[in-house]
Amino acid sequence: METILAYTALGVLLVLGMGAFGTAIGFGLLGGKFLEGAARQPELAPMLQVKMFIVAGLIDAVTMIGIGIGMWFTFANPYIATLH
């Protein structure tokens, strides 16, 4: 029982950590490319900003799905049912 809970906690921590790391990298690249594009063609900055926020929402959505899966494994662990 304790082994399953320990491995579940490690797995959830990996999912959350890698999700946060990937989101940070994604936002860094996204912001940098937006600034490059806006500096090259300032008249396109409003259009690029809208697209940047759409992509930012999609990047955040992937992380939120990972958080949801991590919470599911933390609070309603399906592997504990195999012990009974």
C-alpha atoms as a PDB file:
ATOM      1  CA  MET A   1       0.000   0.000   0.000  1.00  0.00           C
ATOM      2  CA  GLU A   2       2.734   2.445   0.974  1.00  0.00           C
ATOM      3  CA  THR A   3       4.741   1.587  -2.127  1.00  0.00           C
ATOM      4  CA  ILE A   4       1.803   2.364  -4.403  1.00  0.00           C
ATOM      5  CA  LEU A   5       1.201   5.679  -2.656  1.00  0.00           C
ATOM      6  CA  ALA A   6       4.903   6.584  -2.804  1.00  0.00           C
ATOM      7  CA  TYR A   7       5.198   5.786  -6.503  1.00  0.00           C
ATOM      8  CA  THR A   8       1.971   7.639  -7.191  1.00  0.00           C
ATOM      9  CA  ALA A   9       3.316  10.704  -5.391  1.00  0.00           C
ATOM     10  CA  LEU A  10       6.552  10.531  -7.394  1.00  0.00           C
ATOM     11  CA  GLY A  11       4.625  10.178 -10.646  1.00  0.00           C
ATOM     12  CA  VAL A  12       2.354  13.114  -9.818  1.00  0.00           C
ATOM     13  CA  LEU A  13       5.367  15.239  -8.900  1.00  0.00           C
ATOM     14  CA  LEU A  14       7.000  14.393 -12.225  1.00  0.00           C
ATOM     15  CA  VAL A  15       3.841  15.252 -14.165  1.00  0.00           C
ATOM     16  CA  LEU A  16       3.462  18.585 -12.378  1.00  0.00           C
ATOM     17  CA  GLY A  17       7.155  19.439 -12.543  1.00  0.00           C
ATOM     18  CA  MET A  18       7.559  18.627 -16.216  1.00  0.00           C
ATOM     19  CA  GLY A  19       4.325  20.429 -17.008  1.00  0.00           C
ATOM     20  CA  ALA A  20       5.538  23.554 -15.228  1.00  0.00           C
ATOM     21  CA  PHE A  21       8.939  23.310 -16.896  1.00  0.00           C
ATOM     22  CA  GLY A  22       7.416  22.884 -20.348  1.00  0.00           C
ATOM     23  CA  THR A  23       5.035  25.775 -19.791  1.00  0.00           C
ATOM     24  CA  ALA A  24       7.874  28.040 -18.685  1.00  0.00           C
ATOM     25  CA  ILE A  25       9.931  27.151 -21.762  1.00  0.00           C
ATOM     26  CA  GLY A  26       6.889  27.605 -24.008  1.00  0.00           C
ATOM     27  CA  PHE A  27       6.024  31.014 -22.584  1.00  0.00           C
ATOM     28  CA  GLY A  28       9.639  32.132 -22.882  1.00  0.00           C
ATOM     29  CA  LEU A  29       9.840  31.141 -26.541  1.00  0.00           C
ATOM     30  CA  LEU A  30       6.405  32.569 -27.276  1.00  0.00           C
ATOM     31  CA  GLY A  31       7.165  35.930 -25.684  1.00  0.00           C
ATOM     32  CA  GLY A  32      10.542  36.170 -27.388  1.00  0.00           C
ATOM     33  CA  LYS A  33       9.120  35.417 -30.824  1.00  0.00           C
ATOM     34  CA  PHE A  34       6.300  37.886 -30.269  1.00  0.00           C
ATOM     35  CA  LEU A  35       8.765  40.645 -29.404  1.00  0.00           C
ATOM     36  CA  GLU A  36      10.894  39.782 -32.444  1.00  0.00           C
ATOM     37  CA  GLY A  37       7.874  39.881 -34.736  1.00  0.00           C
ATOM     38  CA  ALA A  38       6.578  43.125 -33.255  1.00  0.00           C
ATOM     39  CA  ALA A  39      10.013  44.737 -33.594  1.00  0.00           C
ATOM     40  CA  ARG A  40      10.302  43.729 -37.247  1.00  0.00           C
ATOM     41  CA  GLN A  41       6.796  44.797 -38.258  1.00  0.00           C
ATOM     42  CA  PRO A  42       5.211  47.087 -35.653  1.00  0.00           C
ATOM     43  CA  GLU A  43       2.012  47.460 -37.691  1.00  0.00           C
ATOM     44  CA  LEU A  44       1.287  43.747 -37.186  1.00  0.00           C
ATOM     45  CA  ALA A  45       1.745  43.887 -33.400  1.00  0.00           C
ATOM     46  CA  PRO A  46      -2.008  43.868 -32.535  1.00  0.00           C
ATOM     47  CA  MET A  47      -2.644  40.815 -34.717  1.00  0.00           C
ATOM     48  CA  LEU A  48       0.418  39.047 -33.326  1.00  0.00           C
ATOM     49  CA  GLN A  49      -0.671  39.856 -29.783  1.00  0.00           C
ATOM     50  CA  VAL A  50      -4.069  38.227 -30.299  1.00  0.00           C
ATOM     51  CA  LYS A  51      -2.446  35.104 -31.701  1.00  0.00           C
ATOM     52  CA  MET A  52       0.089  35.097 -28.871  1.00  0.00           C
ATOM     53  CA  PHE A  53      -2.676  35.079 -26.251  1.00  0.00           C
ATOM     54  CA  ILE A  54      -4.512  32.257 -28.037  1.00  0.00           C
ATOM     55  CA  VAL A  55      -1.367  30.133 -28.056  1.00  0.00           C
ATOM     56  CA  ALA A  56      -0.662  31.090 -24.426  1.00  0.00           C
ATOM     57  CA  GLY A  57      -4.102  29.784 -23.484  1.00  0.00           C
ATOM     58  CA  LEU A  58      -3.404  26.510 -25.286  1.00  0.00           C
ATOM     59  CA  ILE A  59      -0.041  26.146 -23.537  1.00  0.00           C
ATOM     60  CA  ASP A  60      -1.737  26.718 -20.182  1.00  0.00           C
ATOM     61  CA  ALA A  61      -4.513  24.268 -21.049  1.00  0.00           C
ATOM     62  CA  VAL A  62      -2.041  21.417 -21.466  1.00  0.00           C
ATOM     63  CA  THR A  63      -0.603  22.134 -18.031  1.00  0.00           C
ATOM     64  CA  MET A  64      -4.071  22.316 -16.462  1.00  0.00           C
ATOM     65  CA  ILE A  65      -4.897  18.900 -17.935  1.00  0.00           C
ATOM     66  CA  GLY A  66      -1.722  17.551 -16.309  1.00  0.00           C
ATOM     67  CA  ILE A  67      -2.735  19.088 -12.988  1.00  0.00           C
ATOM     68  CA  GLY A  68      -6.172  17.495 -13.275  1.00  0.00           C
ATOM     69  CA  ILE A  69      -4.674  14.082 -13.971  1.00  0.00           C
ATOM     70  CA  GLY A  70      -2.233  14.531 -11.087  1.00  0.00           C
ATOM     71  CA  MET A  71      -5.050  15.436  -8.699  1.00  0.00           C
ATOM     72  CA  TRP A  72      -7.064  12.442  -9.882  1.00  0.00           C
ATOM     73  CA  PHE A  73      -4.179  10.101  -9.117  1.00  0.00           C
ATOM     74  CA  THR A  74      -3.572  11.813  -5.780  1.00  0.00           C
ATOM     75  CA  PHE A  75      -7.128  11.790  -4.432  1.00  0.00           C
ATOM     76  CA  ALA A  76      -8.818   8.924  -6.302  1.00  0.00           C
ATOM     77  CA  ASN A  77      -5.957   6.541  -6.973  1.00  0.00           C
ATOM     78  CA  PRO A  78      -7.225   3.695  -9.186  1.00  0.00           C
ATOM     79  CA  TYR A  79      -4.312   1.440  -8.253  1.00  0.00           C
ATOM     80  CA  ILE A  80      -5.388   1.120  -4.630  1.00  0.00           C
ATOM     81  CA  ALA A  81      -8.500  -0.764  -5.749  1.00  0.00           C
ATOM     82  CA  THR A  82      -6.270  -3.597  -7.009  1.00  0.00           C
ATOM     83  CA  LEU A  83      -5.155  -4.306  -3.425  1.00  0.00           C
ATOM     84  CA  HIS A  84      -8.614  -5.180  -2.132  1.00  0.00           C
END
